[in-house]
N, C-alpha and C. Protein backbone atom coordinates (compact mmCIF):
# COMPACT_ATOMS: atom_id res chain seq x y z
N UNK A 1 -21.68 -6.89 32.96
CA UNK A 1 -20.97 -7.80 32.04
C UNK A 1 -21.39 -9.23 32.17
N UNK A 2 -21.81 -9.62 33.36
CA UNK A 2 -22.16 -11.03 33.69
C UNK A 2 -23.48 -11.44 32.83
N UNK A 3 -24.37 -10.39 32.64
CA UNK A 3 -25.56 -10.58 31.86
C UNK A 3 -25.20 -10.88 30.42
N UNK A 4 -24.24 -10.26 29.92
CA UNK A 4 -23.81 -10.40 28.53
C UNK A 4 -23.04 -11.79 28.32
N UNK A 5 -22.31 -12.05 29.30
CA UNK A 5 -21.53 -13.39 29.30
C UNK A 5 -22.57 -14.46 29.33
N UNK A 6 -23.65 -14.37 29.92
CA UNK A 6 -24.67 -15.42 30.00
C UNK A 6 -25.12 -15.93 28.64
N UNK A 7 -25.00 -14.99 27.69
CA UNK A 7 -25.39 -15.43 26.29
C UNK A 7 -24.38 -16.07 25.50
N UNK A 8 -23.21 -16.28 25.98
CA UNK A 8 -22.14 -16.92 25.25
C UNK A 8 -22.49 -18.33 24.87
N UNK A 9 -22.92 -19.17 25.97
CA UNK A 9 -23.55 -20.43 25.89
C UNK A 9 -24.45 -20.60 27.02
N UNK A 10 -25.06 -21.74 27.13
CA UNK A 10 -25.92 -21.97 28.31
C UNK A 10 -25.12 -22.29 29.55
N UNK A 11 -23.82 -22.65 29.47
CA UNK A 11 -23.04 -22.92 30.56
C UNK A 11 -22.78 -21.81 31.49
N UNK A 12 -22.29 -20.58 31.05
CA UNK A 12 -22.15 -19.50 32.01
C UNK A 12 -23.55 -19.07 32.50
N UNK A 13 -24.67 -19.27 31.71
CA UNK A 13 -25.96 -18.83 32.19
C UNK A 13 -26.34 -19.69 33.52
N UNK A 14 -26.10 -20.98 33.35
CA UNK A 14 -26.34 -21.82 34.53
C UNK A 14 -25.43 -21.51 35.68
N UNK A 15 -24.12 -21.24 35.43
CA UNK A 15 -23.29 -20.92 36.59
C UNK A 15 -23.78 -19.63 37.17
N UNK A 16 -24.25 -18.59 36.46
CA UNK A 16 -24.65 -17.33 37.07
C UNK A 16 -26.01 -17.50 37.81
N UNK A 17 -26.78 -18.56 37.53
CA UNK A 17 -27.96 -18.89 38.28
C UNK A 17 -27.63 -19.53 39.60
N UNK A 18 -26.48 -20.08 39.65
CA UNK A 18 -26.13 -20.84 40.89
C UNK A 18 -25.15 -20.22 41.84
N UNK A 19 -24.22 -19.39 41.23
CA UNK A 19 -23.16 -18.75 42.11
C UNK A 19 -23.56 -17.30 42.65
N UNK A 20 -23.44 -17.14 43.92
CA UNK A 20 -23.55 -15.78 44.36
C UNK A 20 -22.34 -14.93 44.01
N UNK A 21 -22.40 -13.71 43.80
CA UNK A 21 -23.44 -12.77 44.01
C UNK A 21 -24.33 -12.54 42.67
N UNK A 22 -24.04 -13.29 41.69
CA UNK A 22 -24.82 -13.13 40.45
C UNK A 22 -26.19 -13.63 40.55
N UNK A 23 -26.47 -14.66 41.33
CA UNK A 23 -27.78 -15.20 41.50
C UNK A 23 -28.69 -14.29 42.31
N UNK A 24 -28.07 -13.28 42.97
CA UNK A 24 -28.91 -12.37 43.79
C UNK A 24 -29.38 -11.12 42.87
N UNK A 25 -28.80 -10.99 41.64
CA UNK A 25 -29.25 -9.95 40.89
C UNK A 25 -30.37 -10.29 39.94
N UNK A 26 -31.53 -9.63 39.95
CA UNK A 26 -32.65 -9.96 39.05
C UNK A 26 -32.32 -9.74 37.65
N UNK A 27 -31.41 -8.78 37.45
CA UNK A 27 -30.88 -8.41 36.00
C UNK A 27 -30.21 -9.59 35.42
N UNK A 28 -29.27 -10.13 36.13
CA UNK A 28 -28.40 -11.20 35.64
C UNK A 28 -29.25 -12.45 35.62
N UNK A 29 -30.11 -12.70 36.50
CA UNK A 29 -31.11 -13.92 36.47
C UNK A 29 -31.90 -13.85 35.33
N UNK A 30 -32.47 -12.68 34.91
CA UNK A 30 -33.34 -12.52 33.76
C UNK A 30 -32.54 -12.92 32.53
N UNK A 31 -31.34 -12.28 32.29
CA UNK A 31 -30.59 -12.57 31.19
C UNK A 31 -30.16 -14.03 31.12
N UNK A 32 -29.71 -14.63 32.17
CA UNK A 32 -29.42 -16.04 32.31
C UNK A 32 -30.49 -16.96 31.82
N UNK A 33 -31.69 -16.72 32.31
CA UNK A 33 -32.87 -17.61 31.95
C UNK A 33 -33.22 -17.30 30.49
N UNK A 34 -33.14 -16.07 30.06
CA UNK A 34 -33.52 -15.76 28.68
C UNK A 34 -32.54 -16.53 27.67
N UNK A 35 -31.21 -16.57 28.18
CA UNK A 35 -30.15 -17.22 27.32
C UNK A 35 -30.53 -18.62 27.27
N UNK A 36 -30.78 -19.30 28.38
CA UNK A 36 -31.10 -20.76 28.38
C UNK A 36 -32.31 -21.01 27.50
N UNK A 37 -33.30 -20.20 27.65
CA UNK A 37 -34.55 -20.43 26.77
C UNK A 37 -34.31 -20.25 25.33
N UNK A 38 -33.47 -19.17 25.10
CA UNK A 38 -33.16 -18.88 23.69
C UNK A 38 -32.34 -20.11 23.05
N UNK A 39 -31.48 -20.67 23.79
CA UNK A 39 -30.69 -21.80 23.33
C UNK A 39 -31.68 -22.92 23.07
N UNK A 40 -32.60 -23.24 24.04
CA UNK A 40 -33.51 -24.38 23.92
C UNK A 40 -34.41 -24.10 22.71
N UNK A 41 -34.86 -22.91 22.48
CA UNK A 41 -35.75 -22.62 21.45
C UNK A 41 -34.96 -22.74 20.05
N UNK A 42 -33.72 -22.30 20.07
CA UNK A 42 -33.01 -22.42 18.82
C UNK A 42 -32.78 -23.90 18.43
N UNK A 43 -32.40 -24.73 19.32
CA UNK A 43 -32.26 -26.17 19.11
C UNK A 43 -33.55 -26.84 18.62
N UNK A 44 -34.61 -26.55 19.27
CA UNK A 44 -35.90 -27.19 18.94
C UNK A 44 -36.29 -26.73 17.61
N UNK A 45 -36.28 -25.36 17.33
CA UNK A 45 -36.68 -24.92 16.02
C UNK A 45 -35.72 -25.42 14.94
N UNK A 46 -34.45 -25.47 15.20
CA UNK A 46 -33.50 -25.91 14.18
C UNK A 46 -33.81 -27.50 13.84
N UNK A 47 -34.08 -28.24 14.90
CA UNK A 47 -34.50 -29.71 14.54
C UNK A 47 -35.68 -29.70 13.67
N UNK A 48 -36.78 -28.92 14.04
CA UNK A 48 -38.02 -29.01 13.25
C UNK A 48 -37.69 -28.55 11.89
N UNK A 49 -37.00 -27.39 11.68
CA UNK A 49 -36.67 -26.93 10.41
C UNK A 49 -35.75 -27.81 9.60
N UNK A 50 -34.91 -28.57 10.23
CA UNK A 50 -33.97 -29.60 9.54
C UNK A 50 -34.92 -30.63 8.90
N UNK A 51 -35.87 -31.03 9.69
CA UNK A 51 -36.82 -32.11 9.23
C UNK A 51 -37.62 -31.54 8.00
N UNK A 52 -38.20 -30.33 8.21
CA UNK A 52 -39.02 -29.70 7.16
C UNK A 52 -38.22 -29.43 5.90
N UNK A 53 -37.01 -28.88 6.03
CA UNK A 53 -36.21 -28.61 4.96
C UNK A 53 -35.68 -29.83 4.33
N UNK A 54 -35.42 -30.85 5.15
CA UNK A 54 -35.01 -32.15 4.58
C UNK A 54 -36.12 -32.77 3.66
N UNK A 55 -37.26 -32.65 4.09
CA UNK A 55 -38.42 -33.13 3.22
C UNK A 55 -38.55 -32.28 2.00
N UNK A 56 -38.47 -30.91 2.19
CA UNK A 56 -38.53 -29.95 1.12
C UNK A 56 -37.47 -30.02 0.10
N UNK A 57 -36.33 -30.70 0.45
CA UNK A 57 -35.26 -30.89 -0.45
C UNK A 57 -35.66 -31.65 -1.69
N UNK A 58 -36.60 -32.49 -1.53
CA UNK A 58 -37.15 -33.32 -2.69
C UNK A 58 -37.71 -32.23 -3.68
N UNK A 59 -38.38 -31.16 -3.18
CA UNK A 59 -38.97 -30.20 -4.14
C UNK A 59 -38.19 -29.05 -4.45
N UNK A 60 -37.23 -28.62 -3.51
CA UNK A 60 -36.48 -27.45 -3.61
C UNK A 60 -34.97 -27.81 -4.29
N UNK A 61 -34.48 -26.92 -5.01
CA UNK A 61 -33.08 -27.07 -5.39
C UNK A 61 -32.14 -26.96 -4.24
N UNK A 62 -31.00 -27.64 -4.28
CA UNK A 62 -30.04 -27.67 -3.06
C UNK A 62 -29.65 -26.28 -2.74
N UNK A 63 -29.36 -25.38 -3.68
CA UNK A 63 -28.82 -24.08 -3.39
C UNK A 63 -29.92 -23.33 -2.53
N UNK A 64 -31.20 -23.44 -2.91
CA UNK A 64 -32.20 -22.86 -2.16
C UNK A 64 -32.36 -23.36 -0.76
N UNK A 65 -32.15 -24.62 -0.68
CA UNK A 65 -32.15 -25.25 0.68
C UNK A 65 -31.04 -24.58 1.54
N UNK A 66 -29.93 -24.61 0.96
CA UNK A 66 -28.72 -24.01 1.68
C UNK A 66 -28.88 -22.57 1.98
N UNK A 67 -29.46 -21.76 1.08
CA UNK A 67 -29.74 -20.41 1.31
C UNK A 67 -30.76 -20.18 2.50
N UNK A 68 -31.80 -20.94 2.47
CA UNK A 68 -32.75 -20.86 3.57
C UNK A 68 -32.19 -21.19 4.87
N UNK A 69 -31.38 -22.22 4.96
CA UNK A 69 -30.80 -22.72 6.17
C UNK A 69 -29.75 -21.60 6.69
N UNK A 70 -29.00 -21.00 5.75
CA UNK A 70 -28.09 -19.94 6.08
C UNK A 70 -28.81 -18.75 6.72
N UNK A 71 -29.84 -18.33 6.09
CA UNK A 71 -30.70 -17.23 6.53
C UNK A 71 -31.20 -17.51 7.89
N UNK A 72 -31.70 -18.63 8.17
CA UNK A 72 -32.23 -19.01 9.49
C UNK A 72 -31.15 -18.95 10.55
N UNK A 73 -30.03 -19.43 10.24
CA UNK A 73 -28.81 -19.40 11.24
C UNK A 73 -28.38 -18.00 11.42
N UNK A 74 -28.36 -17.20 10.32
CA UNK A 74 -28.08 -15.69 10.45
C UNK A 74 -28.98 -15.00 11.40
N UNK A 75 -30.26 -15.37 11.30
CA UNK A 75 -31.28 -14.70 12.11
C UNK A 75 -31.00 -15.11 13.60
N UNK A 76 -30.73 -16.41 13.89
CA UNK A 76 -30.28 -16.71 15.29
C UNK A 76 -29.11 -15.97 15.83
N UNK A 77 -28.13 -15.84 14.93
CA UNK A 77 -26.89 -15.05 15.28
C UNK A 77 -27.27 -13.56 15.62
N UNK A 78 -28.09 -13.00 14.67
CA UNK A 78 -28.51 -11.60 14.97
C UNK A 78 -29.27 -11.42 16.30
N UNK A 79 -30.25 -12.30 16.65
CA UNK A 79 -30.85 -12.21 17.88
C UNK A 79 -30.00 -12.36 19.07
N UNK A 80 -29.04 -13.36 18.94
CA UNK A 80 -28.05 -13.63 20.06
C UNK A 80 -27.17 -12.41 20.27
N UNK A 81 -26.63 -11.76 19.16
CA UNK A 81 -25.75 -10.66 19.28
C UNK A 81 -26.45 -9.43 19.86
N UNK A 82 -27.73 -9.26 19.46
CA UNK A 82 -28.55 -8.11 19.89
C UNK A 82 -28.81 -8.29 21.44
N UNK A 83 -29.12 -9.50 21.81
CA UNK A 83 -29.36 -9.74 23.24
C UNK A 83 -28.07 -9.52 24.12
N UNK A 84 -27.03 -9.92 23.62
CA UNK A 84 -25.78 -9.80 24.31
C UNK A 84 -25.26 -8.35 24.35
N UNK A 85 -25.43 -7.61 23.33
CA UNK A 85 -25.10 -6.20 23.19
C UNK A 85 -25.98 -5.38 24.26
N UNK A 86 -27.29 -5.55 24.13
CA UNK A 86 -28.28 -4.91 24.98
C UNK A 86 -27.91 -5.20 26.45
N UNK A 87 -27.62 -6.47 26.76
CA UNK A 87 -27.24 -6.81 28.21
C UNK A 87 -26.03 -6.18 28.66
N UNK A 88 -25.01 -6.06 27.71
CA UNK A 88 -23.74 -5.39 27.98
C UNK A 88 -23.88 -3.92 28.29
N UNK A 89 -24.90 -3.33 27.54
CA UNK A 89 -25.17 -1.82 27.74
C UNK A 89 -26.25 -1.63 28.92
N UNK A 90 -26.46 -2.59 29.71
CA UNK A 90 -27.31 -2.40 30.80
C UNK A 90 -28.84 -2.36 30.44
N UNK A 91 -29.23 -2.78 29.30
CA UNK A 91 -30.63 -2.67 28.95
C UNK A 91 -31.18 -4.11 28.86
N UNK A 92 -32.57 -4.17 28.99
CA UNK A 92 -33.17 -5.46 29.05
C UNK A 92 -33.96 -5.61 27.77
N UNK A 93 -33.58 -6.39 26.88
CA UNK A 93 -34.33 -6.71 25.66
C UNK A 93 -35.12 -7.95 26.00
N UNK A 94 -36.42 -7.81 25.97
CA UNK A 94 -37.29 -8.85 26.41
C UNK A 94 -37.81 -9.48 25.02
N UNK A 95 -37.39 -10.75 24.71
CA UNK A 95 -37.83 -11.45 23.51
C UNK A 95 -39.27 -11.84 23.73
N UNK A 96 -40.12 -11.90 22.57
CA UNK A 96 -41.42 -12.39 22.65
C UNK A 96 -41.40 -13.83 23.20
N UNK A 97 -42.44 -14.11 23.97
CA UNK A 97 -42.69 -15.38 24.64
C UNK A 97 -41.59 -15.75 25.52
N UNK A 98 -40.26 -15.95 25.06
CA UNK A 98 -39.10 -16.32 25.89
C UNK A 98 -38.90 -15.24 27.07
N UNK A 99 -39.08 -13.96 26.68
CA UNK A 99 -38.86 -13.00 27.69
C UNK A 99 -39.81 -12.99 28.77
N UNK A 100 -40.93 -13.29 28.46
CA UNK A 100 -41.95 -13.43 29.67
C UNK A 100 -41.64 -14.58 30.50
N UNK A 101 -41.32 -15.76 29.85
CA UNK A 101 -40.96 -16.89 30.62
C UNK A 101 -39.78 -16.69 31.48
N UNK A 102 -38.74 -16.02 30.90
CA UNK A 102 -37.63 -15.75 31.73
C UNK A 102 -37.86 -14.75 32.86
N UNK A 103 -38.64 -13.81 32.59
CA UNK A 103 -39.05 -12.96 33.66
C UNK A 103 -39.73 -13.56 34.87
N UNK A 104 -40.56 -14.61 34.58
CA UNK A 104 -41.23 -15.35 35.60
C UNK A 104 -40.24 -16.22 36.32
N UNK A 105 -39.26 -16.81 35.64
CA UNK A 105 -38.32 -17.72 36.33
C UNK A 105 -37.37 -16.91 37.13
N UNK A 106 -37.05 -15.67 36.73
CA UNK A 106 -36.04 -14.89 37.48
C UNK A 106 -36.74 -14.19 38.57
N UNK A 107 -38.06 -14.27 38.61
CA UNK A 107 -38.73 -13.64 39.79
C UNK A 107 -38.90 -12.13 39.69
N UNK A 108 -38.92 -11.63 38.44
CA UNK A 108 -39.06 -10.13 38.22
C UNK A 108 -40.51 -9.70 38.18
């Protein structure tokens, strides 16, 4: 359950990396690191897309801009839910790029 809770926000993920016995589990460490990196990636990509879509707003109708932004956020939600459910079921879903980095940080 701790691995799934790590996906709620980055706060429990950081707590699980610091507090024993959670920090002794490679499984929990992996999911905590992947959660942190997923949050960072989401923020960075959202900022870049906000700039790009803001510029594209000159060329795109507003409803299309809103639709694109909604789909992007729905995609983030789907990835987050999928990771949390897999972690809750005891499985390790390794995301591309982020999963490899999380594995290295977790020491797996």
